[in-house]
Amino acid sequence: SIMDQGKILDEGTPDQMIRRHAPKEVAQLRVAPASLRLVRDYLDKRKITFREVGALISVTGAEGDRPDLSDLDHVDGVRTSYRLGNLEDVFLTLTGRELRDG
């Protein structure tokens, strides 16, 4: 179950909830401070939704597919990795906030 402030938001196995609510894949960009503005502007201009925590920017593509970030390959200070959606993504989708927001 996923709960928030005492209210059950969804029930099922972790795999079921991930399939229902999490993106298939998330791009994670580790960005040097000098490149943050350029990366934010790139994502904003293309109306790509992202979430930023410090120097880590998480991005999902349309319908949860891998986003096309190939234009950022040439930017100094940007390292891109990809991961599958997980339960933290489910929680964020259902509550609109990070696990550690309190």
PDB file of N, CA and C in Angstrom:
ATOM      1  N   SER A   1       0.833  -1.196   0.000  1.00  0.00           N
ATOM      2  CA  SER A   1       0.000   0.000   0.000  1.00  0.00           C
ATOM      3  C   SER A   1       0.873   1.253   0.000  1.00  0.00           C
ATOM      4  N   ILE A   2       0.381   2.285  -0.633  1.00  0.00           N
ATOM      5  CA  ILE A   2       1.010   3.607  -0.565  1.00  0.00           C
ATOM      6  C   ILE A   2       0.073   4.484   0.252  1.00  0.00           C
ATOM      7  N   MET A   3       0.622   5.044   1.340  1.00  0.00           N
ATOM      8  CA  MET A   3      -0.166   5.904   2.220  1.00  0.00           C
ATOM      9  C   MET A   3       0.468   7.286   2.280  1.00  0.00           C
ATOM     10  N   ASP A   4      -0.380   8.285   2.479  1.00  0.00           N
ATOM     11  CA  ASP A   4       0.087   9.646   2.676  1.00  0.00           C
ATOM     12  C   ASP A   4      -0.811  10.297   3.704  1.00  0.00           C
ATOM     13  N   GLN A   5      -0.225  10.762   4.782  1.00  0.00           N
ATOM     14  CA  GLN A   5      -0.961  11.420   5.861  1.00  0.00           C
ATOM     15  C   GLN A   5      -2.136  10.573   6.335  1.00  0.00           C
ATOM     16  N   GLY A   6      -1.890   9.259   6.494  1.00  0.00           N
ATOM     17  CA  GLY A   6      -2.891   8.343   7.019  1.00  0.00           C
ATOM     18  C   GLY A   6      -3.932   7.873   6.021  1.00  0.00           C
ATOM     19  N   LYS A   7      -3.859   8.321   4.788  1.00  0.00           N
ATOM     20  CA  LYS A   7      -4.835   7.941   3.769  1.00  0.00           C
ATOM     21  C   LYS A   7      -4.197   6.957   2.791  1.00  0.00           C
ATOM     22  N   ILE A   8      -4.875   5.842   2.508  1.00  0.00           N
ATOM     23  CA  ILE A   8      -4.382   4.873   1.534  1.00  0.00           C
ATOM     24  C   ILE A   8      -4.649   5.419   0.131  1.00  0.00           C
ATOM     25  N   LEU A   9      -3.582   5.573  -0.651  1.00  0.00           N
ATOM     26  CA  LEU A   9      -3.699   6.114  -2.004  1.00  0.00           C
ATOM     27  C   LEU A   9      -3.796   5.029  -3.061  1.00  0.00           C
ATOM     28  N   ASP A  10      -3.165   3.882  -2.813  1.00  0.00           N
ATOM     29  CA  ASP A  10      -3.238   2.760  -3.751  1.00  0.00           C
ATOM     30  C   ASP A  10      -2.776   1.506  -3.035  1.00  0.00           C
ATOM     31  N   GLU A  11      -3.253   0.380  -3.526  1.00  0.00           N
ATOM     32  CA  GLU A  11      -2.875  -0.906  -2.961  1.00  0.00           C
ATOM     33  C   GLU A  11      -2.472  -1.842  -4.082  1.00  0.00           C
ATOM     34  N   GLY A  12      -1.671  -2.818  -3.730  1.00  0.00           N
ATOM     35  CA  GLY A  12      -1.209  -3.815  -4.682  1.00  0.00           C
ATOM     36  C   GLY A  12       0.233  -4.168  -4.391  1.00  0.00           C
ATOM     37  N   THR A  13       0.775  -5.045  -5.203  1.00  0.00           N
ATOM     38  CA  THR A  13       2.185  -5.384  -5.050  1.00  0.00           C
ATOM     39  C   THR A  13       3.012  -4.209  -5.564  1.00  0.00           C
ATOM     40  N   PRO A  14       4.273  -4.125  -5.150  1.00  0.00           N
ATOM     41  CA  PRO A  14       5.115  -3.047  -5.685  1.00  0.00           C
ATOM     42  C   PRO A  14       5.142  -3.030  -7.214  1.00  0.00           C
ATOM     43  N   ASP A  15       5.272  -4.204  -7.834  1.00  0.00           N
ATOM     44  CA  ASP A  15       5.295  -4.255  -9.306  1.00  0.00           C
ATOM     45  C   ASP A  15       4.006  -3.728  -9.922  1.00  0.00           C
ATOM     46  N   GLN A  16       2.858  -4.060  -9.327  1.00  0.00           N
ATOM     47  CA  GLN A  16       1.574  -3.578  -9.853  1.00  0.00           C
ATOM     48  C   GLN A  16       1.496  -2.056  -9.773  1.00  0.00           C
ATOM     49  N   MET A  17       1.896  -1.502  -8.624  1.00  0.00           N
ATOM     50  CA  MET A  17       1.817  -0.049  -8.457  1.00  0.00           C
ATOM     51  C   MET A  17       2.815   0.673  -9.365  1.00  0.00           C
ATOM     52  N   ILE A  18       3.991   0.092  -9.554  1.00  0.00           N
ATOM     53  CA  ILE A  18       4.973   0.693 -10.460  1.00  0.00           C
ATOM     54  C   ILE A  18       4.431   0.704 -11.884  1.00  0.00           C
ATOM     55  N   ARG A  19       3.819  -0.395 -12.316  1.00  0.00           N
ATOM     56  CA  ARG A  19       3.243  -0.440 -13.678  1.00  0.00           C
ATOM     57  C   ARG A  19       2.130   0.589 -13.842  1.00  0.00           C
ATOM     58  N   ARG A  20       1.324   0.781 -12.800  1.00  0.00           N
ATOM     59  CA  ARG A  20       0.192   1.712 -12.890  1.00  0.00           C
ATOM     60  C   ARG A  20       0.606   3.181 -12.837  1.00  0.00           C
ATOM     61  N   HIS A  21       1.620   3.509 -12.057  1.00  0.00           N
ATOM     62  CA  HIS A  21       1.858   4.923 -11.747  1.00  0.00           C
ATOM     63  C   HIS A  21       3.232   5.474 -12.085  1.00  0.00           C
ATOM     64  N   ALA A  22       4.230   4.626 -12.247  1.00  0.00           N
ATOM     65  CA  ALA A  22       5.596   5.130 -12.460  1.00  0.00           C
ATOM     66  C   ALA A  22       5.917   5.193 -13.948  1.00  0.00           C
ATOM     67  N   PRO A  23       6.803   6.104 -14.328  1.00  0.00           N
ATOM     68  CA  PRO A  23       7.265   6.104 -15.721  1.00  0.00           C
ATOM     69  C   PRO A  23       8.047   4.824 -15.987  1.00  0.00           C
ATOM     70  N   LYS A  24       8.079   4.435 -17.254  1.00  0.00           N
ATOM     71  CA  LYS A  24       8.855   3.243 -17.611  1.00  0.00           C
ATOM     72  C   LYS A  24      10.329   3.468 -17.322  1.00  0.00           C
ATOM     73  N   GLU A  25      10.801   4.651 -17.657  1.00  0.00           N
ATOM     74  CA  GLU A  25      12.224   4.945 -17.513  1.00  0.00           C
ATOM     75  C   GLU A  25      12.412   6.410 -17.121  1.00  0.00           C
ATOM     76  N   VAL A  26      13.428   6.670 -16.323  1.00  0.00           N
ATOM     77  CA  VAL A  26      13.749   8.023 -15.883  1.00  0.00           C
ATOM     78  C   VAL A  26      15.193   8.317 -16.270  1.00  0.00           C
ATOM     79  N   ALA A  27      15.403   9.458 -16.899  1.00  0.00           N
ATOM     80  CA  ALA A  27      16.764   9.920 -17.177  1.00  0.00           C
ATOM     81  C   ALA A  27      17.215  10.732 -15.975  1.00  0.00           C
ATOM     82  N   GLN A  28      18.422  10.468 -15.525  1.00  0.00           N
ATOM     83  CA  GLN A  28      18.980  11.243 -14.423  1.00  0.00           C
ATOM     84  C   GLN A  28      20.210  11.973 -14.933  1.00  0.00           C
ATOM     85  N   LEU A  29      20.162  13.287 -14.826  1.00  0.00           N
ATOM     86  CA  LEU A  29      21.256  14.137 -15.283  1.00  0.00           C
ATOM     87  C   LEU A  29      22.009  14.657 -14.066  1.00  0.00           C
ATOM     88  N   ARG A  30      23.272  14.333 -13.967  1.00  0.00           N
ATOM     89  CA  ARG A  30      24.134  14.938 -12.943  1.00  0.00           C
ATOM     90  C   ARG A  30      24.781  16.136 -13.624  1.00  0.00           C
ATOM     91  N   VAL A  31      24.498  17.314 -13.073  1.00  0.00           N
ATOM     92  CA  VAL A  31      24.863  18.551 -13.767  1.00  0.00           C
ATOM     93  C   VAL A  31      25.791  19.398 -12.895  1.00  0.00           C
ATOM     94  N   ALA A  32      26.911  19.802 -13.475  1.00  0.00           N
ATOM     95  CA  ALA A  32      27.831  20.712 -12.793  1.00  0.00           C
ATOM     96  C   ALA A  32      27.144  22.066 -12.622  1.00  0.00           C
ATOM     97  N   PRO A  33      27.424  22.768 -11.520  1.00  0.00           N
ATOM     98  CA  PRO A  33      26.772  24.064 -11.275  1.00  0.00           C
ATOM     99  C   PRO A  33      26.861  25.024 -12.459  1.00  0.00           C
ATOM    100  N   ALA A  34      27.979  25.036 -13.159  1.00  0.00           N
ATOM    101  CA  ALA A  34      28.151  25.964 -14.286  1.00  0.00           C
ATOM    102  C   ALA A  34      27.212  25.654 -15.452  1.00  0.00           C
ATOM    103  N   SER A  35      26.688  24.438 -15.518  1.00  0.00           N
ATOM    104  CA  SER A  35      25.825  24.036 -16.640  1.00  0.00           C
ATOM    105  C   SER A  35      24.342  23.982 -16.275  1.00  0.00           C
ATOM    106  N   LEU A  36      23.994  24.223 -15.013  1.00  0.00           N
ATOM    107  CA  LEU A  36      22.598  24.087 -14.578  1.00  0.00           C
ATOM    108  C   LEU A  36      21.644  24.975 -15.367  1.00  0.00           C
ATOM    109  N   ARG A  37      21.978  26.240 -15.522  1.00  0.00           N
ATOM    110  CA  ARG A  37      21.074  27.166 -16.225  1.00  0.00           C
ATOM    111  C   ARG A  37      20.839  26.705 -17.661  1.00  0.00           C
ATOM    112  N   LEU A  38      21.895  26.294 -18.353  1.00  0.00           N
ATOM    113  CA  LEU A  38      21.771  25.843 -19.738  1.00  0.00           C
ATOM    114  C   LEU A  38      20.849  24.621 -19.824  1.00  0.00           C
ATOM    115  N   VAL A  39      21.012  23.671 -18.912  1.00  0.00           N
ATOM    116  CA  VAL A  39      20.182  22.461 -18.926  1.00  0.00           C
ATOM    117  C   VAL A  39      18.731  22.801 -18.607  1.00  0.00           C
ATOM    118  N   ARG A  40      18.503  23.638 -17.600  1.00  0.00           N
ATOM    119  CA  ARG A  40      17.124  24.059 -17.272  1.00  0.00           C
ATOM    120  C   ARG A  40      16.470  24.733 -18.477  1.00  0.00           C
ATOM    121  N   ASP A  41      17.197  25.654 -19.115  1.00  0.00           N
ATOM    122  CA  ASP A  41      16.655  26.362 -20.281  1.00  0.00           C
ATOM    123  C   ASP A  41      16.325  25.388 -21.408  1.00  0.00           C
ATOM    124  N   TYR A  42      17.202  24.418 -21.648  1.00  0.00           N
ATOM    125  CA  TYR A  42      16.984  23.401 -22.683  1.00  0.00           C
ATOM    126  C   TYR A  42      15.685  22.637 -22.404  1.00  0.00           C
ATOM    127  N   LEU A  43      15.508  22.190 -21.169  1.00  0.00           N
ATOM    128  CA  LEU A  43      14.314  21.412 -20.813  1.00  0.00           C
ATOM    129  C   LEU A  43      13.056  22.274 -20.871  1.00  0.00           C
ATOM    130  N   ASP A  44      13.141  23.500 -20.339  1.00  0.00           N
ATOM    131  CA  ASP A  44      11.980  24.407 -20.364  1.00  0.00           C
ATOM    132  C   ASP A  44      11.554  24.731 -21.795  1.00  0.00           C
ATOM    133  N   LYS A  45      12.514  25.025 -22.657  1.00  0.00           N
ATOM    134  CA  LYS A  45      12.215  25.400 -24.039  1.00  0.00           C
ATOM    135  C   LYS A  45      11.466  24.280 -24.762  1.00  0.00           C
ATOM    136  N   ARG A  46      11.798  23.038 -24.416  1.00  0.00           N
ATOM    137  CA  ARG A  46      11.164  21.878 -25.060  1.00  0.00           C
ATOM    138  C   ARG A  46       9.961  21.355 -24.276  1.00  0.00           C
ATOM    139  N   LYS A  47       9.583  22.099 -23.224  1.00  0.00           N
ATOM    140  CA  LYS A  47       8.434  21.728 -22.381  1.00  0.00           C
ATOM    141  C   LYS A  47       8.580  20.306 -21.822  1.00  0.00           C
ATOM    142  N   ILE A  48       9.816  19.968 -21.446  1.00  0.00           N
ATOM    143  CA  ILE A  48      10.103  18.672 -20.841  1.00  0.00           C
ATOM    144  C   ILE A  48       9.988  18.835 -19.332  1.00  0.00           C
ATOM    145  N   THR A  49       9.135  18.034 -18.715  1.00  0.00           N
ATOM    146  CA  THR A  49       8.944  18.097 -17.275  1.00  0.00           C
ATOM    147  C   THR A  49      10.146  17.478 -16.578  1.00  0.00           C
ATOM    148  N   PHE A  50      10.623  18.164 -15.550  1.00  0.00           N
ATOM    149  CA  PHE A  50      11.752  17.633 -14.796  1.00  0.00           C
ATOM    150  C   PHE A  50      11.608  17.979 -13.325  1.00  0.00           C
ATOM    151  N   ARG A  51      12.364  17.255 -12.530  1.00  0.00           N
ATOM    152  CA  ARG A  51      12.394  17.472 -11.086  1.00  0.00           C
ATOM    153  C   ARG A  51      13.866  17.621 -10.719  1.00  0.00           C
ATOM    154  N   GLU A  52      14.153  18.633  -9.927  1.00  0.00           N
ATOM    155  CA  GLU A  52      15.543  18.954  -9.610  1.00  0.00           C
ATOM    156  C   GLU A  52      15.777  18.858  -8.108  1.00  0.00           C
ATOM    157  N   VAL A  53      16.800  18.099  -7.739  1.00  0.00           N
ATOM    158  CA  VAL A  53      17.224  18.002  -6.346  1.00  0.00           C
ATOM    159  C   VAL A  53      18.735  18.200  -6.338  1.00  0.00           C
ATOM    160  N   GLY A  54      19.175  19.376  -5.934  1.00  0.00           N
ATOM    161  CA  GLY A  54      20.602  19.685  -5.962  1.00  0.00           C
ATOM    162  C   GLY A  54      21.122  19.650  -7.387  1.00  0.00           C
ATOM    163  N   ALA A  55      22.183  18.871  -7.596  1.00  0.00           N
ATOM    164  CA  ALA A  55      22.793  18.770  -8.926  1.00  0.00           C
ATOM    165  C   ALA A  55      22.218  17.619  -9.740  1.00  0.00           C
ATOM    166  N   LEU A  56      21.156  16.985  -9.256  1.00  0.00           N
ATOM    167  CA  LEU A  56      20.531  15.863  -9.963  1.00  0.00           C
ATOM    168  C   LEU A  56      19.189  16.307 -10.530  1.00  0.00           C
ATOM    169  N   ILE A  57      19.033  16.153 -11.830  1.00  0.00           N
ATOM    170  CA  ILE A  57      17.775  16.480 -12.505  1.00  0.00           C
ATOM    171  C   ILE A  57      17.205  15.182 -13.053  1.00  0.00           C
ATOM    172  N   SER A  58      15.955  14.880 -12.672  1.00  0.00           N
ATOM    173  CA  SER A  58      15.274  13.672 -13.155  1.00  0.00           C
ATOM    174  C   SER A  58      14.256  14.067 -14.205  1.00  0.00           C
ATOM    175  N   VAL A  59      14.255  13.332 -15.324  1.00  0.00           N
ATOM    176  CA  VAL A  59      13.421  13.662 -16.477  1.00  0.00           C
ATOM    177  C   VAL A  59      12.721  12.405 -16.972  1.00  0.00           C
ATOM    178  N   THR A  60      11.436  12.532 -17.303  1.00  0.00           N
ATOM    179  CA  THR A  60      10.734  11.433 -17.971  1.00  0.00           C
ATOM    180  C   THR A  60      10.213  11.939 -19.303  1.00  0.00           C
ATOM    181  N   GLY A  61      10.150  11.061 -20.265  1.00  0.00           N
ATOM    182  CA  GLY A  61       9.647  11.422 -21.580  1.00  0.00           C
ATOM    183  C   GLY A  61       8.136  11.293 -21.642  1.00  0.00           C
ATOM    184  N   ALA A  62       7.595  11.569 -22.792  1.00  0.00           N
ATOM    185  CA  ALA A  62       6.155  11.445 -23.020  1.00  0.00           C
ATOM    186  C   ALA A  62       5.726  10.012 -22.740  1.00  0.00           C
ATOM    187  N   GLU A  63       4.636   9.864 -22.042  1.00  0.00           N
ATOM    188  CA  GLU A  63       4.056   8.555 -21.724  1.00  0.00           C
ATOM    189  C   GLU A  63       5.053   7.639 -21.021  1.00  0.00           C
ATOM    190  N   GLY A  64       5.996   8.226 -20.285  1.00  0.00           N
ATOM    191  CA  GLY A  64       6.934   7.443 -19.497  1.00  0.00           C
ATOM    192  C   GLY A  64       8.065   6.809 -20.268  1.00  0.00           C
ATOM    193  N   ASP A  65       8.160   7.096 -21.573  1.00  0.00           N
ATOM    194  CA  ASP A  65       9.233   6.524 -22.375  1.00  0.00           C
ATOM    195  C   ASP A  65      10.533   7.295 -22.155  1.00  0.00           C
ATOM    196  N   ARG A  66      11.627   6.745 -22.658  1.00  0.00           N
ATOM    197  CA  ARG A  66      12.935   7.392 -22.524  1.00  0.00           C
ATOM    198  C   ARG A  66      12.916   8.736 -23.238  1.00  0.00           C
ATOM    199  N   PRO A  67      13.235   9.808 -22.522  1.00  0.00           N
ATOM    200  CA  PRO A  67      13.256  11.124 -23.160  1.00  0.00           C
ATOM    201  C   PRO A  67      14.465  11.266 -24.077  1.00  0.00           C
ATOM    202  N   ASP A  68      14.307  12.046 -25.134  1.00  0.00           N
ATOM    203  CA  ASP A  68      15.418  12.299 -26.052  1.00  0.00           C
ATOM    204  C   ASP A  68      16.211  13.498 -25.535  1.00  0.00           C
ATOM    205  N   LEU A  69      17.358  13.216 -24.979  1.00  0.00           N
ATOM    206  CA  LEU A  69      18.224  14.265 -24.448  1.00  0.00           C
ATOM    207  C   LEU A  69      19.556  14.308 -25.188  1.00  0.00           C
ATOM    208  N   SER A  70      19.568  13.773 -26.395  1.00  0.00           N
ATOM    209  CA  SER A  70      20.823  13.645 -27.147  1.00  0.00           C
ATOM    210  C   SER A  70      21.502  14.988 -27.397  1.00  0.00           C
ATOM    211  N   ASP A  71      20.738  16.073 -27.456  1.00  0.00           N
ATOM    212  CA  ASP A  71      21.346  17.387 -27.670  1.00  0.00           C
ATOM    213  C   ASP A  71      22.194  17.831 -26.478  1.00  0.00           C
ATOM    214  N   LEU A  72      22.014  17.190 -25.328  1.00  0.00           N
ATOM    215  CA  LEU A  72      22.807  17.549 -24.150  1.00  0.00           C
ATOM    216  C   LEU A  72      24.120  16.773 -24.079  1.00  0.00           C
ATOM    217  N   ASP A  73      24.323  15.837 -24.998  1.00  0.00           N
ATOM    218  CA  ASP A  73      25.532  15.009 -24.976  1.00  0.00           C
ATOM    219  C   ASP A  73      26.814  15.835 -25.084  1.00  0.00           C
ATOM    220  N   HIS A  74      26.739  16.964 -25.764  1.00  0.00           N
ATOM    221  CA  HIS A  74      27.933  17.795 -25.987  1.00  0.00           C
ATOM    222  C   HIS A  74      28.179  18.812 -24.874  1.00  0.00           C
ATOM    223  N   VAL A  75      27.281  18.907 -23.906  1.00  0.00           N
ATOM    224  CA  VAL A  75      27.393  19.924 -22.859  1.00  0.00           C
ATOM    225  C   VAL A  75      28.379  19.459 -21.781  1.00  0.00           C
ATOM    226  N   ASP A  76      29.373  20.296 -21.501  1.00  0.00           N
ATOM    227  CA  ASP A  76      30.340  19.974 -20.444  1.00  0.00           C
ATOM    228  C   ASP A  76      29.639  19.941 -19.093  1.00  0.00           C
ATOM    229  N   GLY A  77      30.036  19.008 -18.258  1.00  0.00           N
ATOM    230  CA  GLY A  77      29.501  18.944 -16.904  1.00  0.00           C
ATOM    231  C   GLY A  77      28.159  18.264 -16.796  1.00  0.00           C
ATOM    232  N   VAL A  78      27.729  17.533 -17.818  1.00  0.00           N
ATOM    233  CA  VAL A  78      26.448  16.813 -17.768  1.00  0.00           C
ATOM    234  C   VAL A  78      26.715  15.333 -18.002  1.00  0.00           C
ATOM    235  N   ARG A  79      26.332  14.517 -17.038  1.00  0.00           N
ATOM    236  CA  ARG A  79      26.419  13.058 -17.179  1.00  0.00           C
ATOM    237  C   ARG A  79      25.002  12.505 -17.109  1.00  0.00           C
ATOM    238  N   THR A  80      24.638  11.705 -18.085  1.00  0.00           N
ATOM    239  CA  THR A  80      23.286  11.156 -18.165  1.00  0.00           C
ATOM    240  C   THR A  80      23.307   9.661 -17.886  1.00  0.00           C
ATOM    241  N   SER A  81      22.378   9.227 -17.039  1.00  0.00           N
ATOM    242  CA  SER A  81      22.172   7.794 -16.814  1.00  0.00           C
ATOM    243  C   SER A  81      20.667   7.550 -16.833  1.00  0.00           C
ATOM    244  N   TYR A  82      20.289   6.304 -16.973  1.00  0.00           N
ATOM    245  CA  TYR A  82      18.873   5.951 -17.042  1.00  0.00           C
ATOM    246  C   TYR A  82      18.584   4.869 -16.015  1.00  0.00           C
ATOM    247  N   ARG A  83      17.381   4.920 -15.454  1.00  0.00           N
ATOM    248  CA  ARG A  83      16.931   3.894 -14.518  1.00  0.00           C
ATOM    249  C   ARG A  83      15.457   3.621 -14.761  1.00  0.00           C
ATOM    250  N   LEU A  84      14.999   2.468 -14.299  1.00  0.00           N
ATOM    251  CA  LEU A  84      13.581   2.124 -14.392  1.00  0.00           C
ATOM    252  C   LEU A  84      12.799   2.890 -13.336  1.00  0.00           C
ATOM    253  N   GLY A  85      11.509   3.105 -13.594  1.00  0.00           N
ATOM    254  CA  GLY A  85      10.640   3.712 -12.601  1.00  0.00           C
ATOM    255  C   GLY A  85      10.625   2.848 -11.347  1.00  0.00           C
ATOM    256  N   ASN A  86      10.419   3.492 -10.176  1.00  0.00           N
ATOM    257  CA  ASN A  86      10.442   2.753  -8.920  1.00  0.00           C
ATOM    258  C   ASN A  86       9.351   3.255  -7.972  1.00  0.00           C
ATOM    259  N   LEU A  87       9.334   2.717  -6.755  1.00  0.00           N
ATOM    260  CA  LEU A  87       8.285   3.090  -5.804  1.00  0.00           C
ATOM    261  C   LEU A  87       8.363   4.558  -5.388  1.00  0.00           C
ATOM    262  N   GLU A  88       9.541   5.150  -5.383  1.00  0.00           N
ATOM    263  CA  GLU A  88       9.626   6.578  -5.076  1.00  0.00           C
ATOM    264  C   GLU A  88       8.903   7.390  -6.154  1.00  0.00           C
ATOM    265  N   ASP A  89       9.016   6.975  -7.412  1.00  0.00           N
ATOM    266  CA  ASP A  89       8.285   7.642  -8.495  1.00  0.00           C
ATOM    267  C   ASP A  89       6.780   7.485  -8.305  1.00  0.00           C
ATOM    268  N   VAL A  90       6.349   6.300  -7.852  1.00  0.00           N
ATOM    269  CA  VAL A  90       4.928   6.064  -7.573  1.00  0.00           C
ATOM    270  C   VAL A  90       4.459   7.042  -6.503  1.00  0.00           C
ATOM    271  N   PHE A  91       5.211   7.150  -5.412  1.00  0.00           N
ATOM    272  CA  PHE A  91       4.840   8.050  -4.320  1.00  0.00           C
ATOM    273  C   PHE A  91       4.758   9.491  -4.813  1.00  0.00           C
ATOM    274  N   LEU A  92       5.734   9.920  -5.581  1.00  0.00           N
ATOM    275  CA  LEU A  92       5.739  11.284  -6.103  1.00  0.00           C
ATOM    276  C   LEU A  92       4.535  11.527  -7.008  1.00  0.00           C
ATOM    277  N   THR A  93       4.212  10.561  -7.863  1.00  0.00           N
ATOM    278  CA  THR A  93       3.064  10.692  -8.760  1.00  0.00           C
ATOM    279  C   THR A  93       1.762  10.805  -7.971  1.00  0.00           C
ATOM    280  N   LEU A  94       1.611   9.965  -6.961  1.00  0.00           N
ATOM    281  CA  LEU A  94       0.353   9.933  -6.209  1.00  0.00           C
ATOM    282  C   LEU A  94       0.196  11.103  -5.241  1.00  0.00           C
ATOM    283  N   THR A  95       1.306  11.599  -4.684  1.00  0.00           N
ATOM    284  CA  THR A  95       1.210  12.645  -3.664  1.00  0.00           C
ATOM    285  C   THR A  95       1.657  14.015  -4.149  1.00  0.00           C
ATOM    286  N   GLY A  96       2.459  14.030  -5.213  1.00  0.00           N
ATOM    287  CA  GLY A  96       2.990  15.299  -5.696  1.00  0.00           C
ATOM    288  C   GLY A  96       4.158  15.813  -4.885  1.00  0.00           C
ATOM    289  N   ARG A  97       4.714  14.961  -4.022  1.00  0.00           N
ATOM    290  CA  ARG A  97       5.846  15.421  -3.217  1.00  0.00           C
ATOM    291  C   ARG A  97       6.845  14.300  -3.002  1.00  0.00           C
ATOM    292  N   GLU A  98       8.069  14.675  -2.657  1.00  0.00           N
ATOM    293  CA  GLU A  98       9.145  13.716  -2.415  1.00  0.00           C
ATOM    294  C   GLU A  98       8.893  12.966  -1.112  1.00  0.00           C
ATOM    295  N   LEU A  99       9.471  11.780  -0.984  1.00  0.00           N
ATOM    296  CA  LEU A  99       9.362  11.011   0.250  1.00  0.00           C
ATOM    297  C   LEU A  99       9.884  11.794   1.443  1.00  0.00           C
ATOM    298  N   ARG A 100      10.938  12.568   1.277  1.00  0.00           N
ATOM    299  CA  ARG A 100      11.550  13.266   2.398  1.00  0.00           C
ATOM    300  C   ARG A 100      10.979  14.660   2.646  1.00  0.00           C
ATOM    301  N   ASP A 101       9.947  15.078   1.922  1.00  0.00           N
ATOM    302  CA  ASP A 101       9.363  16.407   2.137  1.00  0.00           C
ATOM    303  C   ASP A 101       8.677  16.523   3.494  1.00  0.00           C
ATOM    304  N   GLY A 102       8.225  15.400   4.036  1.00  0.00           N
ATOM    305  CA  GLY A 102       7.562  15.418   5.345  1.00  0.00           C
ATOM    306  C   GLY A 102       6.183  15.785   5.183  1.00  0.00           C
TER     307      GLY A 102
END
